[in-house]
PDB file of N, CA and C in Angstrom:
ATOM      1  N   UNK A   1       0.910  -1.107   0.150  1.00  0.00           N
ATOM      2  CA  UNK A   1       0.002   0.113  -0.154  1.00  0.00           C
ATOM      3  C   UNK A   1       0.914   1.147   0.109  1.00  0.00           C
ATOM      4  N   UNK A   2       2.015   1.255   0.751  1.00  0.00           N
ATOM      5  CA  UNK A   2       2.824   2.313   0.755  1.00  0.00           C
ATOM      6  C   UNK A   2       3.707   2.457  -0.714  1.00  0.00           C
ATOM      7  N   UNK A   3       3.850   1.550  -1.333  1.00  0.00           N
ATOM      8  CA  UNK A   3       4.582   1.948  -2.689  1.00  0.00           C
ATOM      9  C   UNK A   3       3.483   2.520  -3.587  1.00  0.00           C
ATOM     10  N   UNK A   4       2.233   2.162  -3.570  1.00  0.00           N
ATOM     11  CA  UNK A   4       1.168   2.763  -4.309  1.00  0.00           C
ATOM     12  C   UNK A   4       1.025   4.310  -4.259  1.00  0.00           C
ATOM     13  N   UNK A   5       1.087   4.610  -2.733  1.00  0.00           N
ATOM     14  CA  UNK A   5       0.820   6.031  -2.572  1.00  0.00           C
ATOM     15  C   UNK A   5       2.077   6.765  -2.812  1.00  0.00           C
ATOM     16  N   UNK A   6       3.332   6.242  -2.727  1.00  0.00           N
ATOM     17  CA  UNK A   6       4.494   6.850  -3.296  1.00  0.00           C
ATOM     18  C   UNK A   6       4.380   7.086  -4.865  1.00  0.00           C
ATOM     19  N   UNK A   7       3.940   6.167  -5.505  1.00  0.00           N
ATOM     20  CA  UNK A   7       3.835   6.031  -7.015  1.00  0.00           C
ATOM     21  C   UNK A   7       2.935   7.107  -7.317  1.00  0.00           C
ATOM     22  N   UNK A   8       1.815   7.286  -6.609  1.00  0.00           N
ATOM     23  CA  UNK A   8       0.576   8.449  -6.936  1.00  0.00           C
ATOM     24  C   UNK A   8       1.278   9.572  -6.524  1.00  0.00           C
ATOM     25  N   UNK A   9       1.844   9.855  -5.513  1.00  0.00           N
ATOM     26  CA  UNK A   9       2.520  11.137  -5.231  1.00  0.00           C
ATOM     27  C   UNK A   9       3.453  11.718  -6.150  1.00  0.00           C
ATOM     28  N   UNK A  10       4.284  10.760  -6.679  1.00  0.00           N
ATOM     29  CA  UNK A  10       5.334  10.952  -7.730  1.00  0.00           C
ATOM     30  C   UNK A  10       4.479  11.588  -9.104  1.00  0.00           C
ATOM     31  N   UNK A  11       3.485  10.693  -9.209  1.00  0.00           N
ATOM     32  CA  UNK A  11       2.751  11.058 -10.520  1.00  0.00           C
ATOM     33  C   UNK A  11       1.948  12.559 -10.315  1.00  0.00           C
ATOM     34  N   UNK A  12       1.353  12.807  -9.320  1.00  0.00           N
ATOM     35  CA  UNK A  12       0.969  14.103  -8.833  1.00  0.00           C
ATOM     36  C   UNK A  12       1.835  15.257  -9.008  1.00  0.00           C
ATOM     37  N   UNK A  13       3.192  15.011  -8.377  1.00  0.00           N
ATOM     38  CA  UNK A  13       4.158  15.909  -8.533  1.00  0.00           C
ATOM     39  C   UNK A  13       4.577  16.131 -10.007  1.00  0.00           C
ATOM     40  N   UNK A  14       4.803  15.109 -10.727  1.00  0.00           N
ATOM     41  CA  UNK A  14       5.183  15.299 -11.896  1.00  0.00           C
ATOM     42  C   UNK A  14       4.235  15.975 -12.866  1.00  0.00           C
ATOM     43  N   UNK A  15       2.815  15.781 -12.552  1.00  0.00           N
ATOM     44  CA  UNK A  15       1.854  16.273 -13.591  1.00  0.00           C
ATOM     45  C   UNK A  15       1.686  17.763 -13.159  1.00  0.00           C
ATOM     46  N   UNK A  16       1.836  17.941 -11.827  1.00  0.00           N
ATOM     47  CA  UNK A  16       1.691  19.300 -11.568  1.00  0.00           C
ATOM     48  C   UNK A  16       2.735  20.403 -12.000  1.00  0.00           C
ATOM     49  N   UNK A  17       4.073  19.835 -11.955  1.00  0.00           N
ATOM     50  CA  UNK A  17       5.211  20.306 -12.634  1.00  0.00           C
ATOM     51  C   UNK A  17       4.903  20.472 -14.142  1.00  0.00           C
ATOM     52  N   UNK A  18       4.321  19.505 -14.685  1.00  0.00           N
ATOM     53  CA  UNK A  18       4.137  19.680 -16.264  1.00  0.00           C
ATOM     54  C   UNK A  18       2.984  20.713 -16.690  1.00  0.00           C
ATOM     55  N   UNK A  19       2.090  21.024 -15.547  1.00  0.00           N
ATOM     56  CA  UNK A  19       1.133  22.065 -16.045  1.00  0.00           C
ATOM     57  C   UNK A  19       1.809  23.565 -16.372  1.00  0.00           C
ATOM     58  N   UNK A  20       3.196  23.502 -15.723  1.00  0.00           N
ATOM     59  CA  UNK A  20       3.889  24.778 -16.045  1.00  0.00           C
ATOM     60  C   UNK A  20       4.456  24.960 -17.297  1.00  0.00           C
ATOM     61  N   UNK A  21       4.362  23.792 -18.214  1.00  0.00           N
ATOM     62  CA  UNK A  21       5.072  23.863 -19.412  1.00  0.00           C
ATOM     63  C   UNK A  21       4.136  24.785 -20.247  1.00  0.00           C
ATOM     64  N   UNK A  22       5.057  25.449 -21.429  1.00  0.00           N
ATOM     65  CA  UNK A  22       4.231  26.133 -22.273  1.00  0.00           C
ATOM     66  C   UNK A  22       5.166  26.053 -23.492  1.00  0.00           C
ATOM     67  N   UNK A  23       5.077  26.687 -24.699  1.00  0.00           N
ATOM     68  CA  UNK A  23       5.698  26.555 -26.060  1.00  0.00           C
ATOM     69  C   UNK A  23       7.196  27.135 -25.633  1.00  0.00           C
ATOM     70  N   UNK A  24       7.401  27.889 -24.819  1.00  0.00           N
ATOM     71  CA  UNK A  24       8.758  28.371 -24.483  1.00  0.00           C
ATOM     72  C   UNK A  24       9.478  27.559 -23.639  1.00  0.00           C
ATOM     73  N   UNK A  25       8.998  26.440 -22.919  1.00  0.00           N
ATOM     74  CA  UNK A  25       9.688  25.684 -22.084  1.00  0.00           C
ATOM     75  C   UNK A  25      10.920  24.879 -22.638  1.00  0.00           C
ATOM     76  N   UNK A  26      12.090  24.649 -22.230  1.00  0.00           N
ATOM     77  CA  UNK A  26      13.218  23.984 -22.831  1.00  0.00           C
ATOM     78  C   UNK A  26      12.606  22.522 -23.181  1.00  0.00           C
ATOM     79  N   UNK A  27      13.135  22.024 -24.342  1.00  0.00           N
ATOM     80  CA  UNK A  27      12.946  20.602 -24.534  1.00  0.00           C
ATOM     81  C   UNK A  27      13.534  19.745 -23.429  1.00  0.00           C
ATOM     82  N   UNK A  28      14.803  20.063 -23.042  1.00  0.00           N
ATOM     83  CA  UNK A  28      15.628  19.047 -22.098  1.00  0.00           C
ATOM     84  C   UNK A  28      14.602  18.837 -20.820  1.00  0.00           C
ATOM     85  N   UNK A  29      13.828  19.892 -20.429  1.00  0.00           N
ATOM     86  CA  UNK A  29      12.979  19.813 -19.519  1.00  0.00           C
ATOM     87  C   UNK A  29      11.842  18.839 -19.468  1.00  0.00           C
ATOM     88  N   UNK A  30      11.358  18.963 -20.584  1.00  0.00           N
ATOM     89  CA  UNK A  30      10.301  17.984 -20.950  1.00  0.00           C
ATOM     90  C   UNK A  30      10.663  16.472 -21.205  1.00  0.00           C
ATOM     91  N   UNK A  31      11.884  16.338 -21.649  1.00  0.00           N
ATOM     92  CA  UNK A  31      12.597  15.031 -21.880  1.00  0.00           C
ATOM     93  C   UNK A  31      12.622  14.348 -20.335  1.00  0.00           C
ATOM     94  N   UNK A  32      13.533  15.325 -19.523  1.00  0.00           N
ATOM     95  CA  UNK A  32      13.674  14.881 -17.994  1.00  0.00           C
ATOM     96  C   UNK A  32      12.475  14.582 -17.263  1.00  0.00           C
ATOM     97  N   UNK A  33      11.416  15.114 -17.453  1.00  0.00           N
ATOM     98  CA  UNK A  33      10.145  15.141 -16.760  1.00  0.00           C
ATOM     99  C   UNK A  33       9.506  13.803 -17.335  1.00  0.00           C
ATOM    100  N   UNK A  34       9.491  13.415 -18.344  1.00  0.00           N
ATOM    101  CA  UNK A  34       8.937  12.487 -19.170  1.00  0.00           C
ATOM    102  C   UNK A  34       9.601  11.120 -18.747  1.00  0.00           C
ATOM    103  N   UNK A  35      10.974  11.194 -18.639  1.00  0.00           N
ATOM    104  CA  UNK A  35      11.891  10.323 -18.254  1.00  0.00           C
ATOM    105  C   UNK A  35      11.634   9.929 -16.750  1.00  0.00           C
ATOM    106  N   UNK A  36      11.216  10.865 -15.641  1.00  0.00           N
ATOM    107  CA  UNK A  36      10.688  10.568 -14.580  1.00  0.00           C
ATOM    108  C   UNK A  36       9.447   9.595 -14.560  1.00  0.00           C
ATOM    109  N   UNK A  37       8.659  10.265 -15.258  1.00  0.00           N
ATOM    110  CA  UNK A  37       7.382   9.580 -15.635  1.00  0.00           C
ATOM    111  C   UNK A  37       7.238   8.028 -15.889  1.00  0.00           C
ATOM    112  N   UNK A  38       8.175   7.895 -16.973  1.00  0.00           N
ATOM    113  CA  UNK A  38       8.245   6.701 -17.504  1.00  0.00           C
ATOM    114  C   UNK A  38       8.937   5.829 -16.550  1.00  0.00           C
ATOM    115  N   UNK A  39       9.866   6.237 -15.702  1.00  0.00           N
ATOM    116  CA  UNK A  39      10.389   5.358 -14.501  1.00  0.00           C
ATOM    117  C   UNK A  39       9.455   5.194 -13.604  1.00  0.00           C
ATOM    118  N   UNK A  40       8.562   5.972 -13.308  1.00  0.00           N
ATOM    119  CA  UNK A  40       7.498   5.505 -12.242  1.00  0.00           C
ATOM    120  C   UNK A  40       6.493   4.742 -12.628  1.00  0.00           C
ATOM    121  N   UNK A  41       6.301   4.722 -14.067  1.00  0.00           N
ATOM    122  CA  UNK A  41       5.262   3.838 -14.546  1.00  0.00           C
ATOM    123  C   UNK A  41       5.938   2.471 -14.621  1.00  0.00           C
ATOM    124  N   UNK A  42       7.054   2.350 -15.017  1.00  0.00           N
ATOM    125  CA  UNK A  42       7.826   0.982 -15.007  1.00  0.00           C
ATOM    126  C   UNK A  42       7.831   0.380 -13.613  1.00  0.00           C
ATOM    127  N   UNK A  43       8.079   1.273 -12.609  1.00  0.00           N
ATOM    128  CA  UNK A  43       8.227   0.694 -11.272  1.00  0.00           C
ATOM    129  C   UNK A  43       6.737   0.203 -10.618  1.00  0.00           C
ATOM    130  N   UNK A  44       5.892   0.957 -11.214  1.00  0.00           N
ATOM    131  CA  UNK A  44       4.294   0.339 -10.550  1.00  0.00           C
ATOM    132  C   UNK A  44       3.682  -0.374 -11.557  1.00  0.00           C
ATOM    133  N   UNK A  45       3.760  -0.186 -12.943  1.00  0.00           N
ATOM    134  CA  UNK A  45       2.987  -0.929 -13.684  1.00  0.00           C
ATOM    135  C   UNK A  45       3.354  -2.510 -13.488  1.00  0.00           C
ATOM    136  N   UNK A  46       4.669  -2.774 -13.776  1.00  0.00           N
ATOM    137  CA  UNK A  46       5.204  -4.277 -13.699  1.00  0.00           C
ATOM    138  C   UNK A  46       4.797  -5.123 -12.473  1.00  0.00           C
ATOM    139  N   UNK A  47       5.001  -4.554 -11.275  1.00  0.00           N
ATOM    140  CA  UNK A  47       4.586  -5.271 -10.163  1.00  0.00           C
ATOM    141  C   UNK A  47       3.026  -5.422 -10.341  1.00  0.00           C
ATOM    142  N   UNK A  48       2.372  -4.420 -10.666  1.00  0.00           N
ATOM    143  CA  UNK A  48       0.912  -4.498 -10.509  1.00  0.00           C
ATOM    144  C   UNK A  48       0.481  -5.413 -11.454  1.00  0.00           C
ATOM    145  N   UNK A  49       0.770  -5.661 -12.670  1.00  0.00           N
ATOM    146  CA  UNK A  49       0.395  -6.581 -13.593  1.00  0.00           C
ATOM    147  C   UNK A  49       0.946  -8.155 -13.224  1.00  0.00           C
ATOM    148  N   UNK A  50       2.173  -8.006 -12.489  1.00  0.00           N
ATOM    149  CA  UNK A  50       2.398  -9.502 -11.894  1.00  0.00           C
ATOM    150  C   UNK A  50       1.414 -10.060 -10.988  1.00  0.00           C
ATOM    151  N   UNK A  51       1.093  -9.137  -9.953  1.00  0.00           N
ATOM    152  CA  UNK A  51       0.152  -9.564  -9.004  1.00  0.00           C
ATOM    153  C   UNK A  51      -1.270  -9.915  -9.465  1.00  0.00           C
ATOM    154  N   UNK A  52      -1.602  -8.997 -10.592  1.00  0.00           N
ATOM    155  CA  UNK A  52      -3.107  -9.402 -11.354  1.00  0.00           C
ATOM    156  C   UNK A  52      -3.066 -10.757 -11.964  1.00  0.00           C
ATOM    157  N   UNK A  53      -2.061 -11.061 -12.611  1.00  0.00           N
ATOM    158  CA  UNK A  53      -1.726 -12.041 -13.120  1.00  0.00           C
ATOM    159  C   UNK A  53      -1.552 -13.362 -12.691  1.00  0.00           C
ATOM    160  N   UNK A  54      -0.786 -13.198 -11.364  1.00  0.00           N
ATOM    161  CA  UNK A  54      -0.768 -14.274 -10.384  1.00  0.00           C
ATOM    162  C   UNK A  54      -1.938 -14.708  -9.752  1.00  0.00           C
ATOM    163  N   UNK A  55      -2.867 -14.054  -9.479  1.00  0.00           N
ATOM    164  CA  UNK A  55      -3.933 -14.151  -8.987  1.00  0.00           C
ATOM    165  C   UNK A  55      -5.051 -14.793  -9.674  1.00  0.00           C
ATOM    166  N   UNK A  56      -4.693 -15.249 -11.142  1.00  0.00           N
ATOM    167  CA  UNK A  56      -5.720 -15.542 -12.043  1.00  0.00           C
ATOM    168  C   UNK A  56      -5.304 -16.996 -12.406  1.00  0.00           C
ATOM    169  N   UNK A  57      -6.472 -17.841 -12.318  1.00  0.00           N
ATOM    170  CA  UNK A  57      -6.054 -19.397 -12.837  1.00  0.00           C
ATOM    171  C   UNK A  57      -5.508 -19.341 -14.265  1.00  0.00           C
ATOM    172  N   UNK A  58      -4.646 -20.498 -14.499  1.00  0.00           N
ATOM    173  CA  UNK A  58      -4.033 -20.453 -15.714  1.00  0.00           C
ATOM    174  C   UNK A  58      -4.734 -20.271 -17.015  1.00  0.00           C
ATOM    175  N   UNK A  59      -6.150 -21.002 -16.854  1.00  0.00           N
ATOM    176  CA  UNK A  59      -7.028 -21.097 -18.035  1.00  0.00           C
ATOM    177  C   UNK A  59      -7.452 -19.754 -18.459  1.00  0.00           C
ATOM    178  N   UNK A  60      -7.404 -18.846 -17.453  1.00  0.00           N
ATOM    179  CA  UNK A  60      -8.020 -17.383 -17.773  1.00  0.00           C
ATOM    180  C   UNK A  60      -6.914 -16.530 -17.923  1.00  0.00           C
ATOM    181  N   UNK A  61      -5.735 -16.895 -18.073  1.00  0.00           N
ATOM    182  CA  UNK A  61      -4.490 -15.659 -18.224  1.00  0.00           C
ATOM    183  C   UNK A  61      -4.656 -15.028 -19.459  1.00  0.00           C
ATOM    184  N   UNK A  62      -5.172 -15.454 -20.443  1.00  0.00           N
ATOM    185  CA  UNK A  62      -5.563 -14.761 -21.742  1.00  0.00           C
ATOM    186  C   UNK A  62      -6.498 -13.633 -21.422  1.00  0.00           C
ATOM    187  N   UNK A  63      -7.509 -14.022 -20.929  1.00  0.00           N
ATOM    188  CA  UNK A  63      -8.728 -13.055 -20.626  1.00  0.00           C
ATOM    189  C   UNK A  63      -8.313 -11.858 -19.773  1.00  0.00           C
ATOM    190  N   UNK A  64      -7.610 -12.188 -18.702  1.00  0.00           N
ATOM    191  CA  UNK A  64      -7.126 -11.371 -17.499  1.00  0.00           C
ATOM    192  C   UNK A  64      -6.067 -10.515 -18.342  1.00  0.00           C
ATOM    193  N   UNK A  65      -5.344 -11.151 -19.143  1.00  0.00           N
ATOM    194  CA  UNK A  65      -3.962 -10.211 -19.565  1.00  0.00           C
ATOM    195  C   UNK A  65      -5.067  -9.037 -20.699  1.00  0.00           C
ATOM    196  N   UNK A  66      -6.061  -9.699 -21.295  1.00  0.00           N
ATOM    197  CA  UNK A  66      -6.965  -8.834 -22.433  1.00  0.00           C
ATOM    198  C   UNK A  66      -7.722  -7.541 -21.529  1.00  0.00           C
ATOM    199  N   UNK A  67      -8.271  -8.134 -20.516  1.00  0.00           N
ATOM    200  CA  UNK A  67      -9.089  -7.009 -19.758  1.00  0.00           C
ATOM    201  C   UNK A  67      -8.150  -6.006 -19.096  1.00  0.00           C
ATOM    202  N   UNK A  68      -6.846  -6.401 -18.533  1.00  0.00           N
ATOM    203  CA  UNK A  68      -5.875  -5.637 -17.946  1.00  0.00           C
ATOM    204  C   UNK A  68      -5.517  -4.607 -19.197  1.00  0.00           C
ATOM    205  N   UNK A  69      -5.183  -5.113 -20.262  1.00  0.00           N
ATOM    206  CA  UNK A  69      -4.785  -4.012 -21.261  1.00  0.00           C
ATOM    207  C   UNK A  69      -5.777  -3.143 -22.025  1.00  0.00           C
ATOM    208  N   UNK A  70      -7.088  -3.822 -21.862  1.00  0.00           N
ATOM    209  CA  UNK A  70      -8.232  -2.858 -22.454  1.00  0.00           C
ATOM    210  C   UNK A  70      -8.582  -1.735 -21.191  1.00  0.00           C
ATOM    211  N   UNK A  71      -8.572  -2.224 -19.950  1.00  0.00           N
ATOM    212  CA  UNK A  71      -8.633  -1.003 -18.791  1.00  0.00           C
ATOM    213  C   UNK A  71      -7.529   0.049 -19.143  1.00  0.00           C
ATOM    214  N   UNK A  72      -6.169  -0.380 -19.248  1.00  0.00           N
ATOM    215  CA  UNK A  72      -4.990   0.555 -19.500  1.00  0.00           C
ATOM    216  C   UNK A  72      -5.405   1.319 -20.720  1.00  0.00           C
ATOM    217  N   UNK A  73      -5.790   0.747 -21.655  1.00  0.00           N
ATOM    218  CA  UNK A  73      -5.887   1.579 -22.996  1.00  0.00           C
ATOM    219  C   UNK A  73      -6.811   2.655 -22.850  1.00  0.00           C
ATOM    220  N   UNK A  74      -8.076   2.051 -22.257  1.00  0.00           N
ATOM    221  CA  UNK A  74      -9.283   2.860 -22.191  1.00  0.00           C
ATOM    222  C   UNK A  74      -8.882   4.121 -21.358  1.00  0.00           C
ATOM    223  N   UNK A  75      -8.332   3.859 -20.368  1.00  0.00           N
ATOM    224  CA  UNK A  75      -8.146   4.859 -19.446  1.00  0.00           C
ATOM    225  C   UNK A  75      -7.216   5.785 -20.275  1.00  0.00           C
ATOM    226  N   UNK A  76      -6.344   5.679 -20.907  1.00  0.00           N
ATOM    227  CA  UNK A  76      -5.426   6.335 -21.559  1.00  0.00           C
ATOM    228  C   UNK A  76      -6.276   7.298 -22.793  1.00  0.00           C
ATOM    229  N   UNK A  77      -7.227   6.452 -23.410  1.00  0.00           N
ATOM    230  CA  UNK A  77      -7.856   7.248 -24.483  1.00  0.00           C
ATOM    231  C   UNK A  77      -8.886   8.149 -23.684  1.00  0.00           C
ATOM    232  N   UNK A  78      -9.488   7.645 -22.689  1.00  0.00           N
ATOM    233  CA  UNK A  78     -10.377   8.718 -22.010  1.00  0.00           C
ATOM    234  C   UNK A  78      -9.715   9.933 -21.507  1.00  0.00           C
ATOM    235  N   UNK A  79      -8.367   9.926 -20.869  1.00  0.00           N
ATOM    236  CA  UNK A  79      -7.848  10.797 -20.480  1.00  0.00           C
ATOM    237  C   UNK A  79      -7.358  11.659 -21.587  1.00  0.00           C
ATOM    238  N   UNK A  80      -7.027  10.975 -22.943  1.00  0.00           N
ATOM    239  CA  UNK A  80      -6.686  12.111 -23.996  1.00  0.00           C
ATOM    240  C   UNK A  80      -7.878  12.696 -24.315  1.00  0.00           C
ATOM    241  N   UNK A  81      -8.944  12.039 -24.549  1.00  0.00           N
ATOM    242  CA  UNK A  81     -10.249  12.845 -24.990  1.00  0.00           C
ATOM    243  C   UNK A  81     -10.652  13.919 -24.011  1.00  0.00           C
ATOM    244  N   UNK A  82     -11.007  13.618 -22.879  1.00  0.00           N
ATOM    245  CA  UNK A  82     -11.180  14.508 -21.962  1.00  0.00           C
ATOM    246  C   UNK A  82     -10.236  15.690 -21.890  1.00  0.00           C
ATOM    247  N   UNK A  83      -9.034  15.729 -21.923  1.00  0.00           N
ATOM    248  CA  UNK A  83      -7.976  16.634 -22.058  1.00  0.00           C
ATOM    249  C   UNK A  83      -8.378  17.527 -23.085  1.00  0.00           C
ATOM    250  N   UNK A  84      -8.702  16.891 -24.439  1.00  0.00           N
ATOM    251  CA  UNK A  84      -8.939  17.492 -25.455  1.00  0.00           C
ATOM    252  C   UNK A  84     -10.059  18.307 -25.343  1.00  0.00           C
ATOM    253  N   UNK A  85     -11.041  17.838 -24.744  1.00  0.00           N
ATOM    254  CA  UNK A  85     -12.595  18.470 -24.645  1.00  0.00           C
ATOM    255  C   UNK A  85     -12.410  19.819 -23.690  1.00  0.00           C
ATOM    256  N   UNK A  86     -11.698  19.542 -22.605  1.00  0.00           N
ATOM    257  CA  UNK A  86     -11.076  20.567 -21.551  1.00  0.00           C
ATOM    258  C   UNK A  86     -10.545  21.895 -22.351  1.00  0.00           C
ATOM    259  N   UNK A  87      -9.500  21.368 -23.005  1.00  0.00           N
ATOM    260  CA  UNK A  87      -8.441  22.445 -23.516  1.00  0.00           C
ATOM    261  C   UNK A  87      -9.116  23.013 -24.863  1.00  0.00           C
ATOM    262  N   UNK A  88     -10.148  22.698 -25.484  1.00  0.00           N
ATOM    263  CA  UNK A  88     -10.899  23.176 -26.517  1.00  0.00           C
ATOM    264  C   UNK A  88     -11.928  24.013 -26.138  1.00  0.00           C
TER     265      UNK A  88
END
């Protein structure tokens, strides 16, 4: 539970910092921030997927993996769509 909170706090800090970006922001700052976000995703996503897949019977591994990917992709697409609606 503590690791999830740390990962969430890091994500909030990164997203809050990224809200200050504009067209004049240096590219290196965007790259470094994106790198930290990618590391956070790697540290959180892999163990999370491992726990999910280990709790499923072997005959349902394909379905569990598909549902996991669907939820992740749906969340990303929903986030992009809502961001576009809010910004326009």
